[in-house]
Amino acid sequence: MKLKTSLMAAALVSGIGAPVLAEEVKIGVPTWTGAQAIAYVLGEIVTSRIGGSVEYVPGNNATIFQAMDQGEGDIDVHPDVWLPNQESFTKEYVDGAGTVTLSSNPYEGNQGFCVSKDFAEANDITDITDLGRPDVAALMDSDGNGLGEMWIGAPGWASANVNEVKVRDYGLLDFVEPIRAEEAVKTARIKDSIAKGEGYAFYCYEPHAVWYMFDVVMLTEPAFDPEKYVMVQPSDDADWYDKSMVATKDDLKQVQIAWSNSLADRSPAIAEFFANFSLTADDVSGLAFEISAQGREPAEAAKEWVEANSDRVDTMLGL
C-alpha cells in the first residue's frame, strides 16, 4: 500500500528508537467502559506506533465537545460518539460551527432495557410493558418505596435523558423509579440482584461487557418509529422533558470517534490516523469485558489488543 506521508513520518523511528516526529493529543474519557476502552486503544496506537504523547482527560459529553470546539488542545478527541443520542452536539459543533470532525468509520450499536434471564423466565417478562405489572414492580422494589428501580444511565449521558422520557411515555412512572448513577453502581446492583434472586431492570446496550459478565436478556419494545421518537436534549431546550415524546425503541446507532479540527494543524499524523481508525462492536465488547469483568487496567487491555491486531493497526496507519 502507498504510505501516507504524515503517518509514515510519524511511524518511522531513528536508529536509537526515538520518534522522528513527536506529536501530542489529549483524549477525552467518558465514564462508560466502552468509551474508556476505545480511548486507551487510541492512546496506545499514538504512543507505541506513532511515537506521540497522550494525556487522558475525564469528562462528560458536553465538556468534551466544548473543548474540541474551542480547539485549544484541552481535549482533542471524543472516543465514542453515539448517534443519534449525541446528535445535539454533532449538529452544533460538526454541522453548525464546523469545528469538529466526525469519523466516517462507525460501528453499530443497539440499545434497550434488560433484566436477568432468570428473573425474566421466572416472571414471564419479555416486553418493556411487563415492568409496569404491579407484581413485577414489587419484585424490583429493593428500598420499599413502592416503586421498582430501573437504572436509566449515568449523569451526563444523553441516552439517560431519552430513557427518562421513555419511562414516562411507556406508562411506567406509577410502577418504576428511573435511577441515574455511575455505571459501576449498575454493574454491582446486577450482580447483587442475581445473587439474591431479586428483580432489577437496567438500560443496556451492545457492545458492552455485560453480555459477557451476566446472563441477561433485552426486552422487546415497539419497533422504531420516527414519528413517535421526538427527543429534545437539555442542551437544546430547558423544557426538554415536556417537549419530548419517545414511545418507541431506539433505532440502531452509529458509533464513532470525533476530534477537533484544530488537531490537523497541531498534530497532523494523529489527525490522519483518527480519520482511518475503525473498530467493530465485538472489539469493543471484548475490551469492555476485559476491563469490567476481568479487572484489567484499560491501558493494559488496550496494549494487548494493539499487539494482537498489528495488521489492522497497520491499515489504520496507512502502512
Protein backbone atom coordinates (compact mmCIF):
# COMPACT_ATOMS: atom_id res chain seq x y z
CA MET A 1 0.00 0.00 0.00
CA LYS A 2 1.08 3.54 -0.60
CA LEU A 3 2.37 5.15 2.57
CA LYS A 4 0.70 8.33 3.65
CA THR A 5 3.41 10.91 4.14
CA SER A 6 2.49 12.30 7.53
CA LEU A 7 1.80 8.91 9.07
CA MET A 8 4.99 7.44 7.63
CA ALA A 9 7.00 10.27 9.11
CA ALA A 10 5.40 9.75 12.48
CA ALA A 11 5.67 5.98 12.48
CA LEU A 12 9.30 5.67 11.42
CA VAL A 13 11.89 5.73 14.17
CA SER A 14 15.55 6.59 14.13
CA GLY A 15 18.37 4.18 14.78
CA ILE A 16 18.22 4.79 18.54
CA GLY A 17 14.46 4.30 18.63
CA ALA A 18 13.41 7.93 19.11
CA PRO A 19 10.40 9.11 17.10
CA VAL A 20 11.16 11.21 14.07
CA LEU A 21 8.08 13.32 14.70
CA ALA A 22 6.71 13.89 18.19
CA GLU A 23 3.02 14.74 18.31
CA GLU A 24 0.62 15.01 21.21
CA VAL A 25 -3.08 14.56 21.87
CA LYS A 26 -5.44 14.85 24.82
CA ILE A 27 -8.08 12.14 24.74
CA GLY A 28 -11.44 12.66 26.41
CA VAL A 29 -12.54 9.74 28.59
CA PRO A 30 -16.29 9.46 29.31
CA THR A 31 -17.48 7.27 32.18
CA TRP A 32 -18.78 4.23 30.30
CA THR A 33 -16.42 1.29 29.88
CA GLY A 34 -16.62 1.02 26.10
CA ALA A 35 -15.54 4.62 25.73
CA GLN A 36 -12.66 4.07 28.15
CA ALA A 37 -11.55 1.03 26.17
CA ILE A 38 -11.55 2.92 22.87
CA ALA A 39 -9.81 5.92 24.43
CA TYR A 40 -6.90 3.76 25.56
CA VAL A 41 -6.69 1.90 22.22
CA LEU A 42 -6.37 5.29 20.53
CA GLY A 43 -3.73 6.31 23.06
CA GLU A 44 -1.77 3.08 22.77
CA ILE A 45 -1.54 3.39 18.99
CA VAL A 46 -0.49 7.04 19.25
CA THR A 47 2.28 6.26 21.73
CA SER A 48 3.56 2.88 20.52
CA ARG A 49 3.10 3.23 16.77
CA ILE A 50 3.14 6.96 16.00
CA GLY A 51 5.57 7.93 18.76
CA GLY A 52 3.37 10.68 20.16
CA SER A 53 2.43 11.60 23.70
CA VAL A 54 -1.02 11.18 25.21
CA GLU A 55 -2.95 12.65 28.12
CA TYR A 56 -6.27 11.17 29.20
CA VAL A 57 -8.84 13.72 30.37
CA PRO A 58 -12.06 12.55 32.11
CA GLY A 59 -15.19 14.40 31.01
CA ASN A 60 -18.83 14.13 30.03
CA ASN A 61 -20.16 14.63 26.52
CA ALA A 62 -20.80 18.36 26.89
CA THR A 63 -17.35 19.05 28.35
CA ILE A 64 -15.54 17.07 25.68
CA PHE A 65 -17.42 18.61 22.76
CA GLN A 66 -16.99 22.13 24.13
CA ALA A 67 -13.24 21.59 24.48
CA MET A 68 -12.96 20.18 20.96
CA ASP A 69 -14.90 23.19 19.68
CA GLN A 70 -12.53 25.62 21.39
CA GLY A 71 -9.63 23.90 19.66
CA GLU A 72 -7.02 24.87 22.22
CA GLY A 73 -5.88 21.33 22.94
CA ASP A 74 -7.60 20.91 26.32
CA ILE A 75 -9.39 17.86 24.89
CA ASP A 76 -8.86 16.81 21.29
CA VAL A 77 -10.98 13.70 20.75
CA HIS A 78 -14.19 12.01 21.88
CA PRO A 79 -13.69 8.23 21.62
CA ASP A 80 -17.30 7.02 21.49
CA VAL A 81 -19.93 9.30 19.93
CA TRP A 82 -23.34 7.58 19.78
CA LEU A 83 -25.71 8.89 17.15
CA PRO A 84 -28.43 9.98 17.24
CA ASN A 85 -28.07 10.07 21.05
CA GLN A 86 -25.45 12.83 20.93
CA GLU A 87 -26.85 14.47 17.82
CA SER A 88 -27.43 17.77 19.61
CA PHE A 89 -23.66 18.05 20.00
CA THR A 90 -22.77 16.97 16.46
CA LYS A 91 -25.36 19.34 14.99
CA GLU A 92 -23.87 22.21 16.97
CA TYR A 93 -20.16 21.55 16.52
CA VAL A 94 -19.84 19.34 13.42
CA ASP A 95 -22.66 20.63 11.21
CA GLY A 96 -23.01 24.13 12.67
CA ALA A 97 -19.73 25.54 13.91
CA GLY A 98 -17.66 23.21 11.75
CA THR A 99 -15.03 22.90 14.46
CA VAL A 100 -15.25 19.13 15.00
CA THR A 101 -14.83 16.23 12.58
CA LEU A 102 -16.88 13.05 12.89
CA SER A 103 -15.35 9.75 11.78
CA SER A 104 -16.83 8.02 8.75
CA ASN A 105 -15.97 4.56 10.14
CA PRO A 106 -18.72 3.77 12.66
CA TYR A 107 -19.60 0.54 14.37
CA GLU A 108 -23.22 -0.41 15.08
CA GLY A 109 -24.85 -0.06 18.49
CA ASN A 110 -28.15 -1.39 19.85
CA GLN A 111 -29.92 0.00 22.91
CA GLY A 112 -32.72 -1.22 25.13
CA PHE A 113 -33.61 -2.38 28.63
CA CYS A 114 -32.50 -5.63 30.21
CA VAL A 115 -33.24 -7.95 33.11
CA SER A 116 -31.53 -11.14 34.16
CA LYS A 117 -32.60 -14.23 32.24
CA ASP A 118 -33.65 -15.99 35.45
CA PHE A 119 -35.84 -13.06 36.53
CA ALA A 120 -37.39 -12.88 33.07
CA GLU A 121 -38.18 -16.59 32.87
CA ALA A 122 -39.48 -16.85 36.44
CA ASN A 123 -41.93 -13.99 35.95
CA ASP A 124 -42.77 -14.19 32.23
CA ILE A 125 -41.08 -10.87 31.44
CA THR A 126 -40.38 -10.33 27.75
CA ASP A 127 -41.53 -6.79 26.90
CA ILE A 128 -40.85 -3.36 28.39
CA THR A 129 -44.53 -3.07 29.40
CA ASP A 130 -44.10 -6.08 31.69
CA LEU A 131 -42.12 -3.82 34.03
CA GLY A 132 -45.39 -1.97 34.64
CA ARG A 133 -47.11 -5.04 36.09
CA PRO A 134 -47.59 -4.49 39.84
CA ASP A 135 -46.22 -7.94 40.68
CA VAL A 136 -43.03 -7.32 38.69
CA ALA A 137 -42.56 -3.79 40.04
CA ALA A 138 -42.88 -5.11 43.59
CA LEU A 139 -40.09 -7.63 42.94
CA MET A 140 -37.82 -4.78 41.77
CA ASP A 141 -38.52 -2.60 44.82
CA SER A 142 -35.41 -3.02 46.97
CA ASP A 143 -35.88 0.10 49.13
CA GLY A 144 -39.56 -0.35 49.99
CA ASN A 145 -40.80 2.91 48.47
CA GLY A 146 -43.41 1.15 46.35
CA LEU A 147 -41.56 1.57 43.05
CA GLY A 148 -39.25 -0.83 41.27
CA GLU A 149 -35.81 0.55 40.49
CA MET A 150 -34.57 0.79 36.92
CA TRP A 151 -31.17 2.22 36.04
CA ILE A 152 -31.52 4.53 33.03
CA GLY A 153 -27.90 5.67 32.63
CA ALA A 154 -25.21 7.78 34.21
CA PRO A 155 -25.38 11.54 34.89
CA GLY A 156 -24.48 13.47 31.74
CA TRP A 157 -25.49 10.72 29.31
CA ALA A 158 -27.79 11.83 26.51
CA SER A 159 -29.22 8.30 26.50
CA ALA A 160 -30.27 8.71 30.13
CA ASN A 161 -32.42 11.67 29.09
CA VAL A 162 -34.01 9.57 26.37
CA ASN A 163 -34.67 6.75 28.82
CA GLU A 164 -36.23 9.12 31.36
CA VAL A 165 -38.72 10.19 28.70
CA LYS A 166 -39.30 6.57 27.69
CA VAL A 167 -40.18 5.53 31.24
CA ARG A 168 -42.86 8.22 31.23
CA ASP A 169 -44.18 7.57 27.74
CA TYR A 170 -44.28 3.80 28.21
CA GLY A 171 -46.60 4.46 31.16
CA LEU A 172 -44.20 3.11 33.77
CA LEU A 173 -43.85 6.04 36.17
CA ASP A 174 -46.52 4.71 38.56
CA PHE A 175 -44.53 1.49 38.90
CA VAL A 176 -40.88 2.20 38.14
CA GLU A 177 -38.41 4.71 39.57
CA PRO A 178 -35.79 5.81 36.99
CA ILE A 179 -32.34 5.89 38.61
CA ARG A 180 -29.27 7.78 37.37
CA ALA A 181 -25.95 6.60 38.77
CA GLU A 182 -22.48 5.78 37.57
CA GLU A 183 -22.21 2.58 35.58
CA ALA A 184 -20.21 0.82 38.29
CA VAL A 185 -23.23 1.16 40.59
CA LYS A 186 -25.43 -0.52 37.99
CA THR A 187 -22.97 -3.38 37.48
CA ALA A 188 -22.73 -4.03 41.22
CA ARG A 189 -26.53 -3.99 41.50
CA ILE A 190 -26.93 -6.51 38.67
CA LYS A 191 -24.52 -8.88 40.38
CA ASP A 192 -26.20 -8.42 43.75
CA SER A 193 -29.73 -8.87 42.40
CA ILE A 194 -28.79 -12.09 40.62
CA ALA A 195 -27.06 -13.44 43.74
CA LYS A 196 -30.11 -12.66 45.88
CA GLY A 197 -32.69 -13.70 43.31
CA GLU A 198 -34.17 -10.19 43.20
CA GLY A 199 -35.63 -8.26 40.31
CA TYR A 200 -33.73 -5.45 38.66
CA ALA A 201 -34.07 -3.69 35.31
CA PHE A 202 -31.46 -1.55 33.63
CA TYR A 203 -30.57 0.29 30.46
CA CYS A 204 -28.38 -1.95 28.34
CA TYR A 205 -26.66 -1.70 25.01
CA GLU A 206 -24.43 -3.53 22.61
CA PRO A 207 -21.48 -3.54 22.52
CA HIS A 208 -20.92 -3.88 26.26
CA ALA A 209 -19.18 -6.15 28.73
CA VAL A 210 -22.48 -7.01 30.42
CA TRP A 211 -23.19 -9.64 27.76
CA TYR A 212 -20.02 -11.47 28.81
CA MET A 213 -20.49 -10.88 32.54
CA PHE A 214 -24.09 -11.95 33.21
CA ASP A 215 -26.88 -13.97 31.63
CA VAL A 216 -29.23 -11.13 30.70
CA VAL A 217 -31.93 -10.55 28.09
CA MET A 218 -33.04 -7.40 26.28
CA LEU A 219 -36.76 -6.69 26.49
CA THR A 220 -38.79 -6.01 23.37
CA GLU A 221 -40.13 -2.53 22.66
CA PRO A 222 -42.36 -1.12 19.92
CA ALA A 223 -40.41 -1.05 16.65
CA PHE A 224 -38.60 2.19 15.94
CA ASP A 225 -40.97 4.82 14.61
CA PRO A 226 -39.54 8.29 13.91
CA GLU A 227 -42.97 9.87 14.38
CA LYS A 228 -43.08 8.54 17.95
CA TYR A 229 -39.45 9.39 18.65
CA VAL A 230 -39.19 13.14 19.18
CA MET A 231 -36.31 13.80 21.55
CA VAL A 232 -35.22 17.27 22.65
CA GLN A 233 -32.00 17.29 24.67
CA PRO A 234 -31.37 19.67 27.62
CA SER A 235 -28.61 21.34 25.61
CA ASP A 236 -31.26 22.41 23.10
CA ASP A 237 -34.11 23.48 25.37
CA ALA A 238 -34.62 23.87 29.11
CA ASP A 239 -38.11 22.39 28.67
CA TRP A 240 -36.68 19.29 27.00
CA TYR A 241 -38.64 16.82 29.13
CA ASP A 242 -42.04 18.31 28.40
CA LYS A 243 -41.27 18.84 24.72
CA SER A 244 -40.02 15.29 24.14
CA MET A 245 -42.04 12.21 23.30
CA VAL A 246 -40.39 8.80 22.97
CA ALA A 247 -42.66 5.77 22.81
CA THR A 248 -40.64 3.50 20.56
CA LYS A 249 -37.41 1.56 20.52
CA ASP A 250 -34.28 3.43 19.56
CA ASP A 251 -33.10 2.95 16.02
CA LEU A 252 -29.80 1.13 15.61
CA LYS A 253 -26.94 3.50 16.40
CA GLN A 254 -23.90 4.65 14.50
CA VAL A 255 -20.97 4.96 16.89
CA GLN A 256 -17.68 6.64 16.01
CA ILE A 257 -14.96 8.94 17.24
CA ALA A 258 -14.88 12.72 16.79
CA TRP A 259 -11.95 15.10 17.02
CA SER A 260 -11.17 18.79 16.99
CA ASN A 261 -10.40 20.22 13.56
CA SER A 262 -7.52 22.13 15.14
CA LEU A 263 -5.71 18.82 15.69
CA ALA A 264 -4.83 18.63 12.00
CA ASP A 265 -2.61 21.70 12.38
CA ARG A 266 -1.12 20.77 15.75
CA SER A 267 -0.66 17.02 15.25
CA PRO A 268 -1.37 16.10 11.63
CA ALA A 269 -0.24 12.47 11.85
CA ILE A 270 -2.58 11.79 14.76
CA ALA A 271 -5.48 13.50 13.00
CA GLU A 272 -4.84 11.40 9.90
CA PHE A 273 -4.78 8.24 11.98
CA PHE A 274 -8.09 9.22 13.59
CA ALA A 275 -9.64 9.52 10.13
CA ASN A 276 -8.67 5.89 9.43
CA PHE A 277 -9.46 4.47 12.88
CA SER A 278 -12.01 1.67 12.96
CA LEU A 279 -13.25 -0.89 15.49
CA THR A 280 -16.12 -3.39 15.46
CA ALA A 281 -18.81 -3.85 18.11
CA ASP A 282 -17.20 -7.20 19.01
CA ASP A 283 -13.85 -5.46 19.54
CA VAL A 284 -15.44 -3.03 21.97
CA SER A 285 -17.43 -5.68 23.84
CA GLY A 286 -14.31 -7.80 24.27
CA LEU A 287 -12.24 -4.88 25.53
CA ALA A 288 -15.01 -3.77 27.88
CA PHE A 289 -15.25 -7.29 29.27
CA GLU A 290 -11.52 -7.39 29.99
CA ILE A 291 -11.80 -4.10 31.88
CA SER A 292 -15.12 -4.56 33.69
CA ALA A 293 -15.20 -8.28 34.39
CA GLN A 294 -11.56 -9.27 34.44
CA GLY A 295 -10.37 -6.22 36.34
CA ARG A 296 -7.76 -5.31 33.75
CA GLU A 297 -6.47 -1.77 33.56
CA PRO A 298 -7.69 -0.07 30.36
CA ALA A 299 -4.11 0.67 29.30
CA GLU A 300 -3.12 -2.97 29.74
CA ALA A 301 -6.12 -4.30 27.79
CA ALA A 302 -5.53 -1.76 25.02
CA LYS A 303 -1.84 -2.63 24.72
CA GLU A 304 -2.68 -6.33 24.41
CA TRP A 305 -5.33 -5.61 21.76
CA VAL A 306 -2.98 -3.47 19.67
CA GLU A 307 -0.27 -6.14 19.79
CA ALA A 308 -2.75 -8.85 18.80
CA ASN A 309 -4.16 -6.79 15.91
CA SER A 310 -0.98 -5.43 14.40
CA ASP A 311 -2.11 -5.88 10.78
CA ARG A 312 -5.32 -3.96 11.38
CA VAL A 313 -3.40 -1.18 13.11
CA ASP A 314 -1.02 -1.05 10.13
CA THR A 315 -4.02 -0.45 7.87
CA MET A 316 -5.26 2.35 10.11
CA LEU A 317 -1.81 3.92 9.84
CA GLY A 318 -1.80 3.63 6.05
CA LEU A 319 1.10 1.15 6.06
